[in-house]
Amino acid sequence: MKLYELIIALNPALSTEDSKELTDKVEGLFPWGIKQKDDIGYQTIHNVHGLKKGSQAYFISYLVEADHLQLPELQQKMSLYKGLLRRVFLSHDPKDPFVIFQDINDIYTEKLLQLASKDKKAKKTRDQKQQLLDTAKETEIEIVEEDEEEAGAE
């Protein structure tokens, strides 16, 4: 037995009951155990072969244990499930954690906020530097004018 991440995309037009029935069917294919489940939710599809760009699907990710020889049979069974748009098995290293989508999203959002904060600080620093340069130029002009007056007085 080997660990796999199974990601499924459900048709968003399914009723709550139909979605539950479909996920129960998928989960029933793994009597030896679903280790973890991440109910990702509705996501916009950007680049999935055969699906219209910009449409949505309901995604669920599972960490499952399966024999690699059973994968073709599992794929075949799931291909017959009406309302299941896509399914993919990814080999999962037992040393790696099962990553929850919301955790990744939170980290990504935090990084974006940090970058935005740095940009604001950088802009403020650039503005301050520009003010100093402007002040220095004004001061240099005044100094030059004073030097010229002093030179003319001599």
C-alpha atoms as a PDB file:
ATOM      1  CA  MET A   1       0.000   0.000   0.000  1.00  0.00           C
ATOM      2  CA  LYS A   2       1.136   3.489  -0.869  1.00  0.00           C
ATOM      3  CA  LEU A   3      -0.107   6.970   0.017  1.00  0.00           C
ATOM      4  CA  TYR A   4      -1.768   9.092  -2.662  1.00  0.00           C
ATOM      5  CA  GLU A   5      -3.463  12.433  -2.763  1.00  0.00           C
ATOM      6  CA  LEU A   6      -6.719  12.158  -4.665  1.00  0.00           C
ATOM      7  CA  ILE A   7      -8.193  15.418  -5.908  1.00  0.00           C
ATOM      8  CA  ILE A   8     -11.706  15.388  -7.311  1.00  0.00           C
ATOM      9  CA  ALA A   9     -13.690  18.141  -9.016  1.00  0.00           C
ATOM     10  CA  LEU A  10     -17.475  17.949  -8.757  1.00  0.00           C
ATOM     11  CA  ASN A  11     -19.975  19.588 -11.057  1.00  0.00           C
ATOM     12  CA  PRO A  12     -21.167  22.735  -9.229  1.00  0.00           C
ATOM     13  CA  ALA A  13     -24.721  22.175 -10.500  1.00  0.00           C
ATOM     14  CA  LEU A  14     -25.107  19.085  -8.295  1.00  0.00           C
ATOM     15  CA  SER A  15     -27.571  19.380  -5.433  1.00  0.00           C
ATOM     16  CA  THR A  16     -26.284  18.988  -1.883  1.00  0.00           C
ATOM     17  CA  GLU A  17     -27.764  15.479  -1.731  1.00  0.00           C
ATOM     18  CA  ASP A  18     -26.206  14.464  -5.059  1.00  0.00           C
ATOM     19  CA  SER A  19     -22.814  15.852  -3.997  1.00  0.00           C
ATOM     20  CA  LYS A  20     -23.009  13.926  -0.724  1.00  0.00           C
ATOM     21  CA  GLU A  21     -23.990  10.730  -2.548  1.00  0.00           C
ATOM     22  CA  LEU A  22     -21.120  11.149  -5.011  1.00  0.00           C
ATOM     23  CA  THR A  23     -18.509  11.812  -2.324  1.00  0.00           C
ATOM     24  CA  ASP A  24     -19.799   8.804  -0.366  1.00  0.00           C
ATOM     25  CA  LYS A  25     -19.298   6.657  -3.497  1.00  0.00           C
ATOM     26  CA  VAL A  26     -15.739   7.945  -3.941  1.00  0.00           C
ATOM     27  CA  GLU A  27     -14.916   7.481  -0.259  1.00  0.00           C
ATOM     28  CA  GLY A  28     -16.418   3.971  -0.418  1.00  0.00           C
ATOM     29  CA  LEU A  29     -13.709   2.986  -2.901  1.00  0.00           C
ATOM     30  CA  PHE A  30     -11.144   3.186  -0.075  1.00  0.00           C
ATOM     31  CA  PRO A  31     -12.299   0.770   2.638  1.00  0.00           C
ATOM     32  CA  TRP A  32      -8.713   0.519   3.929  1.00  0.00           C
ATOM     33  CA  GLY A  33      -8.810   4.127   4.841  1.00  0.00           C
ATOM     34  CA  ILE A  34      -8.999   7.758   4.005  1.00  0.00           C
ATOM     35  CA  LYS A  35      -6.276   9.287   6.129  1.00  0.00           C
ATOM     36  CA  GLN A  36      -7.327  12.922   5.707  1.00  0.00           C
ATOM     37  CA  LYS A  37      -9.845  15.007   3.784  1.00  0.00           C
ATOM     38  CA  ASP A  38      -9.718  18.644   2.698  1.00  0.00           C
ATOM     39  CA  ASP A  39     -13.047  20.059   1.571  1.00  0.00           C
ATOM     40  CA  ILE A  40     -11.599  22.846  -0.571  1.00  0.00           C
ATOM     41  CA  GLY A  41     -14.903  24.157  -1.893  1.00  0.00           C
ATOM     42  CA  TYR A  42     -15.791  26.072  -5.045  1.00  0.00           C
ATOM     43  CA  GLN A  43     -12.861  27.245  -7.129  1.00  0.00           C
ATOM     44  CA  THR A  44     -12.655  28.918 -10.521  1.00  0.00           C
ATOM     45  CA  ILE A  45     -11.195  26.718 -13.235  1.00  0.00           C
ATOM     46  CA  HIS A  46      -8.411  28.381 -15.196  1.00  0.00           C
ATOM     47  CA  ASN A  47      -6.729  25.759 -17.299  1.00  0.00           C
ATOM     48  CA  VAL A  48      -8.277  22.298 -17.202  1.00  0.00           C
ATOM     49  CA  HIS A  49      -8.496  20.361 -20.445  1.00  0.00           C
ATOM     50  CA  GLY A  50     -12.082  19.960 -21.567  1.00  0.00           C
ATOM     51  CA  LEU A  51     -13.580  22.407 -19.083  1.00  0.00           C
ATOM     52  CA  LYS A  52     -14.568  25.940 -19.913  1.00  0.00           C
ATOM     53  CA  LYS A  53     -12.119  28.518 -18.574  1.00  0.00           C
ATOM     54  CA  GLY A  54     -13.702  30.695 -15.902  1.00  0.00           C
ATOM     55  CA  SER A  55     -16.308  28.139 -14.846  1.00  0.00           C
ATOM     56  CA  GLN A  56     -16.338  26.679 -11.355  1.00  0.00           C
ATOM     57  CA  ALA A  57     -16.102  23.253  -9.771  1.00  0.00           C
ATOM     58  CA  TYR A  58     -16.300  21.964  -6.215  1.00  0.00           C
ATOM     59  CA  PHE A  59     -12.955  20.481  -5.147  1.00  0.00           C
ATOM     60  CA  ILE A  60     -12.170  17.902  -2.487  1.00  0.00           C
ATOM     61  CA  SER A  61      -8.724  16.512  -1.716  1.00  0.00           C
ATOM     62  CA  TYR A  62      -8.121  13.210   0.067  1.00  0.00           C
ATOM     63  CA  LEU A  63      -5.051  11.516   1.455  1.00  0.00           C
ATOM     64  CA  VAL A  64      -5.707   7.847   0.724  1.00  0.00           C
ATOM     65  CA  GLU A  65      -3.903   4.574   0.958  1.00  0.00           C
ATOM     66  CA  ALA A  66      -4.069   2.334  -2.104  1.00  0.00           C
ATOM     67  CA  ASP A  67      -2.205  -0.353  -3.956  1.00  0.00           C
ATOM     68  CA  HIS A  68      -0.673   1.117  -7.109  1.00  0.00           C
ATOM     69  CA  LEU A  69      -2.063  -1.841  -9.071  1.00  0.00           C
ATOM     70  CA  GLN A  70      -5.595  -0.784  -8.115  1.00  0.00           C
ATOM     71  CA  LEU A  71      -5.290   2.778  -9.449  1.00  0.00           C
ATOM     72  CA  PRO A  72      -6.425   1.963 -13.022  1.00  0.00           C
ATOM     73  CA  GLU A  73      -9.503   0.163 -11.667  1.00  0.00           C
ATOM     74  CA  LEU A  74     -10.282   3.041  -9.300  1.00  0.00           C
ATOM     75  CA  GLN A  75      -9.874   5.543 -12.158  1.00  0.00           C
ATOM     76  CA  GLN A  76     -12.205   3.455 -14.318  1.00  0.00           C
ATOM     77  CA  LYS A  77     -14.906   3.273 -11.626  1.00  0.00           C
ATOM     78  CA  MET A  78     -14.729   7.003 -10.953  1.00  0.00           C
ATOM     79  CA  SER A  79     -14.924   7.810 -14.678  1.00  0.00           C
ATOM     80  CA  LEU A  80     -18.460   6.359 -14.623  1.00  0.00           C
ATOM     81  CA  TYR A  81     -19.663   8.600 -11.783  1.00  0.00           C
ATOM     82  CA  LYS A  82     -21.995  11.237 -13.162  1.00  0.00           C
ATOM     83  CA  GLY A  83     -21.155  14.687 -11.807  1.00  0.00           C
ATOM     84  CA  LEU A  84     -17.493  13.919 -11.208  1.00  0.00           C
ATOM     85  CA  LEU A  85     -15.738  16.281 -13.616  1.00  0.00           C
ATOM     86  CA  ARG A  86     -12.121  15.341 -12.923  1.00  0.00           C
ATOM     87  CA  ARG A  87     -10.067  13.127 -10.651  1.00  0.00           C
ATOM     88  CA  VAL A  88      -6.321  12.825 -10.257  1.00  0.00           C
ATOM     89  CA  PHE A  89      -4.061  10.681  -8.101  1.00  0.00           C
ATOM     90  CA  LEU A  90      -0.731  12.128  -6.979  1.00  0.00           C
ATOM     91  CA  SER A  91       1.898  10.054  -5.245  1.00  0.00           C
ATOM     92  CA  HIS A  92       2.379  11.304  -1.679  1.00  0.00           C
ATOM     93  CA  ASP A  93       5.616  10.923   0.277  1.00  0.00           C
ATOM     94  CA  PRO A  94       4.790   9.772   3.844  1.00  0.00           C
ATOM     95  CA  LYS A  95       7.455  12.189   5.159  1.00  0.00           C
ATOM     96  CA  ASP A  96       5.546  15.150   3.708  1.00  0.00           C
ATOM     97  CA  PRO A  97       2.513  16.628   5.440  1.00  0.00           C
ATOM     98  CA  PHE A  98      -0.898  16.601   3.808  1.00  0.00           C
ATOM     99  CA  VAL A  99      -1.313  20.257   2.901  1.00  0.00           C
ATOM    100  CA  ILE A 100      -4.683  21.875   3.523  1.00  0.00           C
ATOM    101  CA  PHE A 101      -5.747  24.363   0.847  1.00  0.00           C
ATOM    102  CA  GLN A 102      -6.873  27.006   3.361  1.00  0.00           C
ATOM    103  CA  ASP A 103      -3.448  26.893   5.059  1.00  0.00           C
ATOM    104  CA  ILE A 104      -1.728  27.561   1.723  1.00  0.00           C
ATOM    105  CA  ASN A 105      -4.217  30.325   0.953  1.00  0.00           C
ATOM    106  CA  ASP A 106      -3.593  31.954   4.363  1.00  0.00           C
ATOM    107  CA  ILE A 107       0.195  31.852   3.852  1.00  0.00           C
ATOM    108  CA  TYR A 108      -0.169  33.299   0.341  1.00  0.00           C
ATOM    109  CA  THR A 109      -2.441  36.103   1.585  1.00  0.00           C
ATOM    110  CA  GLU A 110      -0.028  36.901   4.415  1.00  0.00           C
ATOM    111  CA  LYS A 111       2.901  37.098   1.975  1.00  0.00           C
ATOM    112  CA  LEU A 112       0.912  39.407  -0.319  1.00  0.00           C
ATOM    113  CA  LEU A 113       0.101  41.679   2.613  1.00  0.00           C
ATOM    114  CA  GLN A 114       3.775  41.724   3.628  1.00  0.00           C
ATOM    115  CA  LEU A 115       4.797  42.655   0.085  1.00  0.00           C
ATOM    116  CA  ALA A 116       2.168  45.392  -0.052  1.00  0.00           C
ATOM    117  CA  SER A 117       3.409  46.723   3.284  1.00  0.00           C
ATOM    118  CA  LYS A 118       7.010  46.716   2.027  1.00  0.00           C
ATOM    119  CA  ASP A 119       5.913  48.528  -1.141  1.00  0.00           C
ATOM    120  CA  LYS A 120       4.185  51.202   0.948  1.00  0.00           C
ATOM    121  CA  LYS A 121       7.289  51.555   3.125  1.00  0.00           C
ATOM    122  CA  ALA A 122       9.506  51.668   0.030  1.00  0.00           C
ATOM    123  CA  LYS A 123       7.271  54.320  -1.537  1.00  0.00           C
ATOM    124  CA  LYS A 124       7.374  56.313   1.683  1.00  0.00           C
ATOM    125  CA  THR A 125      11.167  55.970   1.769  1.00  0.00           C
ATOM    126  CA  ARG A 126      11.406  57.042  -1.901  1.00  0.00           C
ATOM    127  CA  ASP A 127       9.173  60.036  -1.157  1.00  0.00           C
ATOM    128  CA  GLN A 128      11.323  60.961   1.843  1.00  0.00           C
ATOM    129  CA  LYS A 129      14.503  60.632  -0.236  1.00  0.00           C
ATOM    130  CA  GLN A 130      12.966  62.814  -2.947  1.00  0.00           C
ATOM    131  CA  GLN A 131      12.059  65.431  -0.349  1.00  0.00           C
ATOM    132  CA  LEU A 132      15.630  65.394   0.943  1.00  0.00           C
ATOM    133  CA  LEU A 133      16.975  65.727  -2.593  1.00  0.00           C
ATOM    134  CA  ASP A 134      14.602  68.593  -3.312  1.00  0.00           C
ATOM    135  CA  THR A 135      15.599  70.276  -0.062  1.00  0.00           C
ATOM    136  CA  ALA A 136      19.278  69.698  -0.851  1.00  0.00           C
ATOM    137  CA  LYS A 137      18.861  71.208  -4.313  1.00  0.00           C
ATOM    138  CA  GLU A 138      17.109  74.238  -2.865  1.00  0.00           C
ATOM    139  CA  THR A 139      19.837  74.572  -0.260  1.00  0.00           C
ATOM    140  CA  GLU A 140      22.588  74.223  -2.891  1.00  0.00           C
ATOM    141  CA  ILE A 141      20.946  76.923  -4.977  1.00  0.00           C
ATOM    142  CA  GLU A 142      20.806  79.197  -1.954  1.00  0.00           C
ATOM    143  CA  ILE A 143      24.410  78.398  -1.094  1.00  0.00           C
ATOM    144  CA  VAL A 144      25.499  79.067  -4.646  1.00  0.00           C
ATOM    145  CA  GLU A 145      23.651  82.366  -4.620  1.00  0.00           C
ATOM    146  CA  GLU A 146      25.266  83.308  -1.320  1.00  0.00           C
ATOM    147  CA  ASP A 147      28.678  82.318  -2.681  1.00  0.00           C
ATOM    148  CA  GLU A 148      28.105  84.484  -5.733  1.00  0.00           C
ATOM    149  CA  GLU A 149      27.121  87.435  -3.565  1.00  0.00           C
ATOM    150  CA  GLU A 150      30.169  86.933  -1.420  1.00  0.00           C
ATOM    151  CA  ALA A 151      32.359  86.629  -4.540  1.00  0.00           C
ATOM    152  CA  GLY A 152      30.862  89.827  -5.953  1.00  0.00           C
ATOM    153  CA  ALA A 153      31.486  91.712  -2.726  1.00  0.00           C
ATOM    154  CA  GLU A 154      35.184  90.927  -2.798  1.00  0.00           C
END
